[in-house]
Amino acid sequence: MKRKIHIYDIRVICGLVLGIIGLFLIICGLVIEPATVPDYVANNLEDINNTPINANMYSGVALFVTALVFLAWTWFNPSAGMGHPDEENKRTRDEVHKG
């Protein structure tokens, strides 16, 4: 079975863009220290813990996983929604001329 994956397929483009952004956020999450709740907010709220939240890392991993889903979808179902408009017109013209 020959896989014919088009580079201009929207799933490939979305997968690559989301993957690049996800990798960038993962690197930022590893380099930049996690954010904490500011003291002025923590003083006004009761029972809040000041646990660091690494939002860059979490969102980067989520974007990277989403990119992998897009690329896997393209790999396992390469022809979904793809087709050249002229091929569809050619089929309908052939059917009209035969009938």
PDB file of N, CA and C in Angstrom:
ATOM      1  N   MET A   1       0.841  -1.170   0.000  1.00  0.00           N
ATOM      2  CA  MET A   1       0.000   0.000   0.000  1.00  0.00           C
ATOM      3  C   MET A   1       0.891   1.239   0.000  1.00  0.00           C
ATOM      4  N   LYS A   2       0.707   2.061  -0.999  1.00  0.00           N
ATOM      5  CA  LYS A   2       1.516   3.263  -1.119  1.00  0.00           C
ATOM      6  C   LYS A   2       0.816   4.427  -0.441  1.00  0.00           C
ATOM      7  N   ARG A   3       1.535   5.105   0.435  1.00  0.00           N
ATOM      8  CA  ARG A   3       0.975   6.269   1.128  1.00  0.00           C
ATOM      9  C   ARG A   3       1.345   7.514   0.328  1.00  0.00           C
ATOM     10  N   LYS A   4       0.344   8.288  -0.016  1.00  0.00           N
ATOM     11  CA  LYS A   4       0.582   9.523  -0.751  1.00  0.00           C
ATOM     12  C   LYS A   4       0.168  10.682   0.142  1.00  0.00           C
ATOM     13  N   ILE A   5       1.146  11.214   0.880  1.00  0.00           N
ATOM     14  CA  ILE A   5       0.886  12.301   1.815  1.00  0.00           C
ATOM     15  C   ILE A   5       1.269  13.602   1.131  1.00  0.00           C
ATOM     16  N   HIS A   6       0.347  14.529   1.116  1.00  0.00           N
ATOM     17  CA  HIS A   6       0.586  15.825   0.510  1.00  0.00           C
ATOM     18  C   HIS A   6       1.109  16.790   1.569  1.00  0.00           C
ATOM     19  N   ILE A   7       2.181  17.513   1.240  1.00  0.00           N
ATOM     20  CA  ILE A   7       2.769  18.436   2.211  1.00  0.00           C
ATOM     21  C   ILE A   7       1.838  19.615   2.472  1.00  0.00           C
ATOM     22  N   TYR A   8       0.957  19.932   1.533  1.00  0.00           N
ATOM     23  CA  TYR A   8       0.048  21.064   1.708  1.00  0.00           C
ATOM     24  C   TYR A   8      -1.286  20.655   2.314  1.00  0.00           C
ATOM     25  N   ASP A   9      -1.376  19.439   2.788  1.00  0.00           N
ATOM     26  CA  ASP A   9      -2.572  18.996   3.502  1.00  0.00           C
ATOM     27  C   ASP A   9      -2.664  19.787   4.801  1.00  0.00           C
ATOM     28  N   ILE A  10      -3.845  20.260   5.132  1.00  0.00           N
ATOM     29  CA  ILE A  10      -4.015  21.117   6.308  1.00  0.00           C
ATOM     30  C   ILE A  10      -3.613  20.395   7.592  1.00  0.00           C
ATOM     31  N   ARG A  11      -3.753  19.063   7.620  1.00  0.00           N
ATOM     32  CA  ARG A  11      -3.368  18.311   8.811  1.00  0.00           C
ATOM     33  C   ARG A  11      -1.866  18.329   9.015  1.00  0.00           C
ATOM     34  N   VAL A  12      -1.101  18.287   7.918  1.00  0.00           N
ATOM     35  CA  VAL A  12       0.360  18.348   8.018  1.00  0.00           C
ATOM     36  C   VAL A  12       0.792  19.734   8.483  1.00  0.00           C
ATOM     37  N   ILE A  13       0.185  20.759   7.906  1.00  0.00           N
ATOM     38  CA  ILE A  13       0.540  22.131   8.272  1.00  0.00           C
ATOM     39  C   ILE A  13       0.220  22.390   9.741  1.00  0.00           C
ATOM     40  N   CYS A  14      -0.976  22.010  10.171  1.00  0.00           N
ATOM     41  CA  CYS A  14      -1.349  22.209  11.585  1.00  0.00           C
ATOM     42  C   CYS A  14      -0.444  21.406  12.506  1.00  0.00           C
ATOM     43  N   GLY A  15      -0.149  20.174  12.136  1.00  0.00           N
ATOM     44  CA  GLY A  15       0.725  19.346  12.962  1.00  0.00           C
ATOM     45  C   GLY A  15       2.113  19.935  13.105  1.00  0.00           C
ATOM     46  N   LEU A  16       2.676  20.448  12.007  1.00  0.00           N
ATOM     47  CA  LEU A  16       4.009  21.030  12.079  1.00  0.00           C
ATOM     48  C   LEU A  16       4.023  22.320  12.893  1.00  0.00           C
ATOM     49  N   VAL A  17       3.028  23.181  12.675  1.00  0.00           N
ATOM     50  CA  VAL A  17       2.980  24.447  13.413  1.00  0.00           C
ATOM     51  C   VAL A  17       2.781  24.187  14.909  1.00  0.00           C
ATOM     52  N   LEU A  18       1.826  23.330  15.248  1.00  0.00           N
ATOM     53  CA  LEU A  18       1.591  23.032  16.663  1.00  0.00           C
ATOM     54  C   LEU A  18       2.792  22.340  17.295  1.00  0.00           C
ATOM     55  N   GLY A  19       3.466  21.486  16.537  1.00  0.00           N
ATOM     56  CA  GLY A  19       4.651  20.809  17.059  1.00  0.00           C
ATOM     57  C   GLY A  19       5.791  21.773  17.339  1.00  0.00           C
ATOM     58  N   ILE A  20       6.006  22.728  16.438  1.00  0.00           N
ATOM     59  CA  ILE A  20       7.071  23.710  16.643  1.00  0.00           C
ATOM     60  C   ILE A  20       6.765  24.582  17.853  1.00  0.00           C
ATOM     61  N   ILE A  21       5.530  25.052  17.963  1.00  0.00           N
ATOM     62  CA  ILE A  21       5.150  25.878  19.110  1.00  0.00           C
ATOM     63  C   ILE A  21       5.242  25.054  20.405  1.00  0.00           C
ATOM     64  N   GLY A  22       4.801  23.798  20.348  1.00  0.00           N
ATOM     65  CA  GLY A  22       4.869  22.932  21.521  1.00  0.00           C
ATOM     66  C   GLY A  22       6.296  22.703  21.986  1.00  0.00           C
ATOM     67  N   LEU A  23       7.203  22.440  21.037  1.00  0.00           N
ATOM     68  CA  LEU A  23       8.610  22.255  21.413  1.00  0.00           C
ATOM     69  C   LEU A  23       9.194  23.531  22.013  1.00  0.00           C
ATOM     70  N   PHE A  24       8.830  24.682  21.447  1.00  0.00           N
ATOM     71  CA  PHE A  24       9.305  25.953  21.992  1.00  0.00           C
ATOM     72  C   PHE A  24       8.825  26.137  23.434  1.00  0.00           C
ATOM     73  N   LEU A  25       7.556  25.821  23.685  1.00  0.00           N
ATOM     74  CA  LEU A  25       7.028  25.972  25.043  1.00  0.00           C
ATOM     75  C   LEU A  25       7.640  24.967  26.010  1.00  0.00           C
ATOM     76  N   ILE A  26       7.927  23.767  25.538  1.00  0.00           N
ATOM     77  CA  ILE A  26       8.580  22.777  26.400  1.00  0.00           C
ATOM     78  C   ILE A  26       9.976  23.259  26.784  1.00  0.00           C
ATOM     79  N   ILE A  27      10.715  23.809  25.819  1.00  0.00           N
ATOM     80  CA  ILE A  27      12.049  24.337  26.117  1.00  0.00           C
ATOM     81  C   ILE A  27      11.952  25.509  27.094  1.00  0.00           C
ATOM     82  N   CYS A  28      10.969  26.381  26.869  1.00  0.00           N
ATOM     83  CA  CYS A  28      10.772  27.503  27.805  1.00  0.00           C
ATOM     84  C   CYS A  28      10.407  26.990  29.196  1.00  0.00           C
ATOM     85  N   GLY A  29       9.616  25.944  29.261  1.00  0.00           N
ATOM     86  CA  GLY A  29       9.244  25.378  30.550  1.00  0.00           C
ATOM     87  C   GLY A  29      10.422  24.775  31.289  1.00  0.00           C
ATOM     88  N   LEU A  30      11.399  24.259  30.534  1.00  0.00           N
ATOM     89  CA  LEU A  30      12.589  23.698  31.169  1.00  0.00           C
ATOM     90  C   LEU A  30      13.570  24.781  31.609  1.00  0.00           C
ATOM     91  N   VAL A  31      13.601  25.894  30.884  1.00  0.00           N
ATOM     92  CA  VAL A  31      14.585  26.941  31.157  1.00  0.00           C
ATOM     93  C   VAL A  31      14.068  27.966  32.158  1.00  0.00           C
ATOM     94  N   ILE A  32      12.842  28.421  31.978  1.00  0.00           N
ATOM     95  CA  ILE A  32      12.278  29.477  32.821  1.00  0.00           C
ATOM     96  C   ILE A  32      11.682  28.845  34.075  1.00  0.00           C
ATOM     97  N   GLU A  33      11.876  29.491  35.199  1.00  0.00           N
ATOM     98  CA  GLU A  33      11.333  28.935  36.435  1.00  0.00           C
ATOM     99  C   GLU A  33       9.813  29.093  36.471  1.00  0.00           C
ATOM    100  N   PRO A  34       9.127  28.158  37.083  1.00  0.00           N
ATOM    101  CA  PRO A  34       7.656  28.175  37.096  1.00  0.00           C
ATOM    102  C   PRO A  34       7.098  29.388  37.829  1.00  0.00           C
ATOM    103  N   ALA A  35       5.900  29.766  37.415  1.00  0.00           N
ATOM    104  CA  ALA A  35       5.237  30.915  38.034  1.00  0.00           C
ATOM    105  C   ALA A  35       4.591  30.491  39.347  1.00  0.00           C
ATOM    106  N   THR A  36       4.529  31.427  40.264  1.00  0.00           N
ATOM    107  CA  THR A  36       3.841  31.197  41.536  1.00  0.00           C
ATOM    108  C   THR A  36       2.790  32.287  41.708  1.00  0.00           C
ATOM    109  N   VAL A  37       1.909  32.080  42.644  1.00  0.00           N
ATOM    110  CA  VAL A  37       0.888  33.079  42.936  1.00  0.00           C
ATOM    111  C   VAL A  37       1.574  34.261  43.624  1.00  0.00           C
ATOM    112  N   PRO A  38       1.354  35.480  43.125  1.00  0.00           N
ATOM    113  CA  PRO A  38       2.002  36.636  43.759  1.00  0.00           C
ATOM    114  C   PRO A  38       1.582  36.794  45.223  1.00  0.00           C
ATOM    115  N   ASP A  39       2.457  37.392  46.020  1.00  0.00           N
ATOM    116  CA  ASP A  39       2.199  37.549  47.455  1.00  0.00           C
ATOM    117  C   ASP A  39       0.965  38.394  47.731  1.00  0.00           C
ATOM    118  N   TYR A  40       0.745  39.438  46.924  1.00  0.00           N
ATOM    119  CA  TYR A  40      -0.415  40.283  47.194  1.00  0.00           C
ATOM    120  C   TYR A  40      -1.725  39.550  46.937  1.00  0.00           C
ATOM    121  N   VAL A  41      -1.724  38.571  46.060  1.00  0.00           N
ATOM    122  CA  VAL A  41      -2.924  37.763  45.841  1.00  0.00           C
ATOM    123  C   VAL A  41      -3.049  36.728  46.956  1.00  0.00           C
ATOM    124  N   ALA A  42      -1.930  36.116  47.329  1.00  0.00           N
ATOM    125  CA  ALA A  42      -1.954  35.086  48.369  1.00  0.00           C
ATOM    126  C   ALA A  42      -2.363  35.670  49.716  1.00  0.00           C
ATOM    127  N   ASN A  43      -2.023  36.919  49.980  1.00  0.00           N
ATOM    128  CA  ASN A  43      -2.400  37.545  51.246  1.00  0.00           C
ATOM    129  C   ASN A  43      -3.899  37.819  51.324  1.00  0.00           C
ATOM    130  N   ASN A  44      -4.527  38.045  50.176  1.00  0.00           N
ATOM    131  CA  ASN A  44      -5.953  38.363  50.163  1.00  0.00           C
ATOM    132  C   ASN A  44      -6.840  37.126  50.091  1.00  0.00           C
ATOM    133  N   LEU A  45      -6.278  36.004  49.742  1.00  0.00           N
ATOM    134  CA  LEU A  45      -7.064  34.773  49.627  1.00  0.00           C
ATOM    135  C   LEU A  45      -6.688  33.819  50.750  1.00  0.00           C
ATOM    136  N   GLU A  46      -7.682  33.167  51.284  1.00  0.00           N
ATOM    137  CA  GLU A  46      -7.418  32.196  52.339  1.00  0.00           C
ATOM    138  C   GLU A  46      -7.199  30.816  51.735  1.00  0.00           C
ATOM    139  N   ASP A  47      -6.432  30.015  52.399  1.00  0.00           N
ATOM    140  CA  ASP A  47      -6.190  28.615  52.036  1.00  0.00           C
ATOM    141  C   ASP A  47      -5.668  28.446  50.602  1.00  0.00           C
ATOM    142  N   ILE A  48      -4.761  29.280  50.208  1.00  0.00           N
ATOM    143  CA  ILE A  48      -4.156  29.122  48.888  1.00  0.00           C
ATOM    144  C   ILE A  48      -2.724  28.639  49.092  1.00  0.00           C
ATOM    145  N   ASN A  49      -2.360  27.642  48.351  1.00  0.00           N
ATOM    146  CA  ASN A  49      -0.979  27.188  48.459  1.00  0.00           C
ATOM    147  C   ASN A  49      -0.178  27.830  47.325  1.00  0.00           C
ATOM    148  N   ASN A  50       1.051  28.092  47.586  1.00  0.00           N
ATOM    149  CA  ASN A  50       1.906  28.804  46.649  1.00  0.00           C
ATOM    150  C   ASN A  50       2.754  27.806  45.852  1.00  0.00           C
ATOM    151  N   THR A  51       2.091  26.826  45.273  1.00  0.00           N
ATOM    152  CA  THR A  51       2.773  25.797  44.502  1.00  0.00           C
ATOM    153  C   THR A  51       3.144  26.348  43.126  1.00  0.00           C
ATOM    154  N   PRO A  52       4.373  26.168  42.699  1.00  0.00           N
ATOM    155  CA  PRO A  52       4.752  26.642  41.367  1.00  0.00           C
ATOM    156  C   PRO A  52       3.983  25.900  40.272  1.00  0.00           C
ATOM    157  N   ILE A  53       3.525  26.648  39.305  1.00  0.00           N
ATOM    158  CA  ILE A  53       2.783  26.080  38.187  1.00  0.00           C
ATOM    159  C   ILE A  53       3.599  26.299  36.922  1.00  0.00           C
ATOM    160  N   ASN A  54       3.987  25.232  36.264  1.00  0.00           N
ATOM    161  CA  ASN A  54       4.779  25.326  35.046  1.00  0.00           C
ATOM    162  C   ASN A  54       3.837  25.281  33.846  1.00  0.00           C
ATOM    163  N   ALA A  55       3.181  26.412  33.593  1.00  0.00           N
ATOM    164  CA  ALA A  55       2.174  26.467  32.526  1.00  0.00           C
ATOM    165  C   ALA A  55       2.789  26.282  31.149  1.00  0.00           C
ATOM    166  N   ASN A  56       4.017  26.753  30.954  1.00  0.00           N
ATOM    167  CA  ASN A  56       4.676  26.566  29.662  1.00  0.00           C
ATOM    168  C   ASN A  56       4.866  25.080  29.353  1.00  0.00           C
ATOM    169  N   MET A  57       5.294  24.341  30.357  1.00  0.00           N
ATOM    170  CA  MET A  57       5.530  22.914  30.150  1.00  0.00           C
ATOM    171  C   MET A  57       4.220  22.168  29.857  1.00  0.00           C
ATOM    172  N   TYR A  58       3.192  22.452  30.641  1.00  0.00           N
ATOM    173  CA  TYR A  58       1.914  21.767  30.448  1.00  0.00           C
ATOM    174  C   TYR A  58       1.306  22.083  29.083  1.00  0.00           C
ATOM    175  N   SER A  59       1.292  23.337  28.709  1.00  0.00           N
ATOM    176  CA  SER A  59       0.701  23.692  27.419  1.00  0.00           C
ATOM    177  C   SER A  59       1.575  23.203  26.263  1.00  0.00           C
ATOM    178  N   GLY A  60       2.893  23.197  26.449  1.00  0.00           N
ATOM    179  CA  GLY A  60       3.787  22.686  25.410  1.00  0.00           C
ATOM    180  C   GLY A  60       3.590  21.204  25.162  1.00  0.00           C
ATOM    181  N   VAL A  61       3.438  20.444  26.235  1.00  0.00           N
ATOM    182  CA  VAL A  61       3.197  18.999  26.087  1.00  0.00           C
ATOM    183  C   VAL A  61       1.837  18.753  25.411  1.00  0.00           C
ATOM    184  N   ALA A  62       0.830  19.531  25.795  1.00  0.00           N
ATOM    185  CA  ALA A  62      -0.492  19.371  25.183  1.00  0.00           C
ATOM    186  C   ALA A  62      -0.451  19.707  23.695  1.00  0.00           C
ATOM    187  N   LEU A  63       0.233  20.765  23.320  1.00  0.00           N
ATOM    188  CA  LEU A  63       0.345  21.122  21.904  1.00  0.00           C
ATOM    189  C   LEU A  63       1.142  20.076  21.129  1.00  0.00           C
ATOM    190  N   PHE A  64       2.198  19.553  21.739  1.00  0.00           N
ATOM    191  CA  PHE A  64       3.007  18.546  21.056  1.00  0.00           C
ATOM    192  C   PHE A  64       2.223  17.257  20.851  1.00  0.00           C
ATOM    193  N   VAL A  65       1.442  16.862  21.831  1.00  0.00           N
ATOM    194  CA  VAL A  65       0.604  15.661  21.688  1.00  0.00           C
ATOM    195  C   VAL A  65      -0.453  15.891  20.605  1.00  0.00           C
ATOM    196  N   THR A  66      -1.038  17.084  20.573  1.00  0.00           N
ATOM    197  CA  THR A  66      -2.011  17.406  19.528  1.00  0.00           C
ATOM    198  C   THR A  66      -1.365  17.359  18.148  1.00  0.00           C
ATOM    199  N   ALA A  67      -0.145  17.851  18.038  1.00  0.00           N
ATOM    200  CA  ALA A  67       0.576  17.784  16.770  1.00  0.00           C
ATOM    201  C   ALA A  67       0.817  16.344  16.352  1.00  0.00           C
ATOM    202  N   LEU A  68       1.173  15.495  17.302  1.00  0.00           N
ATOM    203  CA  LEU A  68       1.373  14.081  16.979  1.00  0.00           C
ATOM    204  C   LEU A  68       0.079  13.427  16.507  1.00  0.00           C
ATOM    205  N   VAL A  69      -1.049  13.829  17.082  1.00  0.00           N
ATOM    206  CA  VAL A  69      -2.343  13.290  16.650  1.00  0.00           C
ATOM    207  C   VAL A  69      -2.631  13.713  15.209  1.00  0.00           C
ATOM    208  N   PHE A  70      -2.384  14.981  14.879  1.00  0.00           N
ATOM    209  CA  PHE A  70      -2.597  15.449  13.511  1.00  0.00           C
ATOM    210  C   PHE A  70      -1.713  14.688  12.524  1.00  0.00           C
ATOM    211  N   LEU A  71      -0.438  14.522  12.871  1.00  0.00           N
ATOM    212  CA  LEU A  71       0.472  13.836  11.960  1.00  0.00           C
ATOM    213  C   LEU A  71       0.159  12.348  11.851  1.00  0.00           C
ATOM    214  N   ALA A  72      -0.270  11.723  12.946  1.00  0.00           N
ATOM    215  CA  ALA A  72      -0.669  10.316  12.891  1.00  0.00           C
ATOM    216  C   ALA A  72      -1.932  10.149  12.058  1.00  0.00           C
ATOM    217  N   TRP A  73      -2.848  11.085  12.179  1.00  0.00           N
ATOM    218  CA  TRP A  73      -4.069  11.050  11.378  1.00  0.00           C
ATOM    219  C   TRP A  73      -3.721  11.121   9.891  1.00  0.00           C
ATOM    220  N   THR A  74      -2.764  11.972   9.549  1.00  0.00           N
ATOM    221  CA  THR A  74      -2.337  12.079   8.150  1.00  0.00           C
ATOM    222  C   THR A  74      -1.646  10.795   7.702  1.00  0.00           C
ATOM    223  N   TRP A  75      -0.862  10.204   8.574  1.00  0.00           N
ATOM    224  CA  TRP A  75      -0.112   9.006   8.199  1.00  0.00           C
ATOM    225  C   TRP A  75      -1.038   7.801   7.998  1.00  0.00           C
ATOM    226  N   PHE A  76      -2.006   7.616   8.896  1.00  0.00           N
ATOM    227  CA  PHE A  76      -2.858   6.433   8.816  1.00  0.00           C
ATOM    228  C   PHE A  76      -4.038   6.604   7.873  1.00  0.00           C
ATOM    229  N   ASN A  77      -4.413   7.830   7.537  1.00  0.00           N
ATOM    230  CA  ASN A  77      -5.515   8.069   6.613  1.00  0.00           C
ATOM    231  C   ASN A  77      -5.126   9.210   5.677  1.00  0.00           C
ATOM    232  N   PRO A  78      -4.172   8.950   4.770  1.00  0.00           N
ATOM    233  CA  PRO A  78      -3.608  10.036   3.976  1.00  0.00           C
ATOM    234  C   PRO A  78      -4.559  10.640   2.953  1.00  0.00           C
ATOM    235  N   SER A  79      -5.554   9.917   2.514  1.00  0.00           N
ATOM    236  CA  SER A  79      -6.401  10.426   1.436  1.00  0.00           C
ATOM    237  C   SER A  79      -7.731  10.971   1.916  1.00  0.00           C
ATOM    238  N   ALA A  80      -7.930  11.127   3.207  1.00  0.00           N
ATOM    239  CA  ALA A  80      -9.207  11.625   3.717  1.00  0.00           C
ATOM    240  C   ALA A  80      -9.375  13.081   3.340  1.00  0.00           C
ATOM    241  N   GLY A  81     -10.415  13.363   2.581  1.00  0.00           N
ATOM    242  CA  GLY A  81     -10.710  14.726   2.205  1.00  0.00           C
ATOM    243  C   GLY A  81      -9.822  15.272   1.107  1.00  0.00           C
ATOM    244  N   MET A  82      -8.899  14.465   0.610  1.00  0.00           N
ATOM    245  CA  MET A  82      -8.004  14.950  -0.435  1.00  0.00           C
ATOM    246  C   MET A  82      -8.555  14.547  -1.781  1.00  0.00           C
ATOM    247  N   GLY A  83      -8.315  15.329  -2.705  1.00  0.00           N
ATOM    248  CA  GLY A  83      -8.736  15.044  -4.071  1.00  0.00           C
ATOM    249  C   GLY A  83      -8.623  16.315  -4.876  1.00  0.00           C
ATOM    250  N   HIS A  84      -8.320  16.162  -6.117  1.00  0.00           N
ATOM    251  CA  HIS A  84      -8.191  17.317  -6.981  1.00  0.00           C
ATOM    252  C   HIS A  84      -9.554  17.629  -7.568  1.00  0.00           C
ATOM    253  N   PRO A  85      -9.965  18.886  -7.592  1.00  0.00           N
ATOM    254  CA  PRO A  85     -11.294  19.216  -8.108  1.00  0.00           C
ATOM    255  C   PRO A  85     -11.480  18.805  -9.566  1.00  0.00           C
ATOM    256  N   ASP A  86     -10.391  18.820 -10.339  1.00  0.00           N
ATOM    257  CA  ASP A  86     -10.510  18.415 -11.741  1.00  0.00           C
ATOM    258  C   ASP A  86     -10.843  16.934 -11.878  1.00  0.00           C
ATOM    259  N   GLU A  87     -10.361  16.108 -10.946  1.00  0.00           N
ATOM    260  CA  GLU A  87     -10.679  14.686 -11.000  1.00  0.00           C
ATOM    261  C   GLU A  87     -12.167  14.450 -10.783  1.00  0.00           C
ATOM    262  N   GLU A  88     -12.763  15.200  -9.859  1.00  0.00           N
ATOM    263  CA  GLU A  88     -14.195  15.050  -9.623  1.00  0.00           C
ATOM    264  C   GLU A  88     -14.990  15.537 -10.827  1.00  0.00           C
ATOM    265  N   ASN A  89     -14.556  16.652 -11.422  1.00  0.00           N
ATOM    266  CA  ASN A  89     -15.242  17.158 -12.607  1.00  0.00           C
ATOM    267  C   ASN A  89     -15.087  16.205 -13.776  1.00  0.00           C
ATOM    268  N   LYS A  90     -13.928  15.574 -13.885  1.00  0.00           N
ATOM    269  CA  LYS A  90     -13.690  14.629 -14.970  1.00  0.00           C
ATOM    270  C   LYS A  90     -14.627  13.439 -14.849  1.00  0.00           C
ATOM    271  N   ARG A  91     -14.826  12.955 -13.608  1.00  0.00           N
ATOM    272  CA  ARG A  91     -15.738  11.833 -13.411  1.00  0.00           C
ATOM    273  C   ARG A  91     -17.162  12.207 -13.806  1.00  0.00           C
ATOM    274  N   THR A  92     -17.606  13.367 -13.403  1.00  0.00           N
ATOM    275  CA  THR A  92     -18.987  13.757 -13.729  1.00  0.00           C
ATOM    276  C   THR A  92     -19.129  14.018 -15.220  1.00  0.00           C
ATOM    277  N   ARG A  93     -18.106  14.581 -15.868  1.00  0.00           N
ATOM    278  CA  ARG A  93     -18.189  14.774 -17.331  1.00  0.00           C
ATOM    279  C   ARG A  93     -18.248  13.441 -18.058  1.00  0.00           C
ATOM    280  N   ASP A  94     -17.440  12.469 -17.604  1.00  0.00           N
ATOM    281  CA  ASP A  94     -17.464  11.160 -18.233  1.00  0.00           C
ATOM    282  C   ASP A  94     -18.815  10.487 -18.067  1.00  0.00           C
ATOM    283  N   GLU A  95     -19.425  10.633 -16.907  1.00  0.00           N
ATOM    284  CA  GLU A  95     -20.738  10.037 -16.662  1.00  0.00           C
ATOM    285  C   GLU A  95     -21.808  10.704 -17.534  1.00  0.00           C
ATOM    286  N   VAL A  96     -21.705  11.999 -17.736  1.00  0.00           N
ATOM    287  CA  VAL A  96     -22.690  12.718 -18.559  1.00  0.00           C
ATOM    288  C   VAL A  96     -22.544  12.301 -20.019  1.00  0.00           C
ATOM    289  N   HIS A  97     -21.314  12.173 -20.487  1.00  0.00           N
ATOM    290  CA  HIS A  97     -21.100  11.819 -21.885  1.00  0.00           C
ATOM    291  C   HIS A  97     -21.463  10.359 -22.171  1.00  0.00           C
ATOM    292  N   LYS A  98     -21.324   9.490 -21.185  1.00  0.00           N
ATOM    293  CA  LYS A  98     -21.683   8.083 -21.381  1.00  0.00           C
ATOM    294  C   LYS A  98     -23.193   7.908 -21.413  1.00  0.00           C
ATOM    295  N   GLY A  99     -23.899   8.688 -20.602  1.00  0.00           N
ATOM    296  CA  GLY A  99     -25.328   8.512 -20.460  1.00  0.00           C
ATOM    297  C   GLY A  99     -26.108   9.258 -21.447  1.00  0.00           C
TER     298      GLY A  99
END
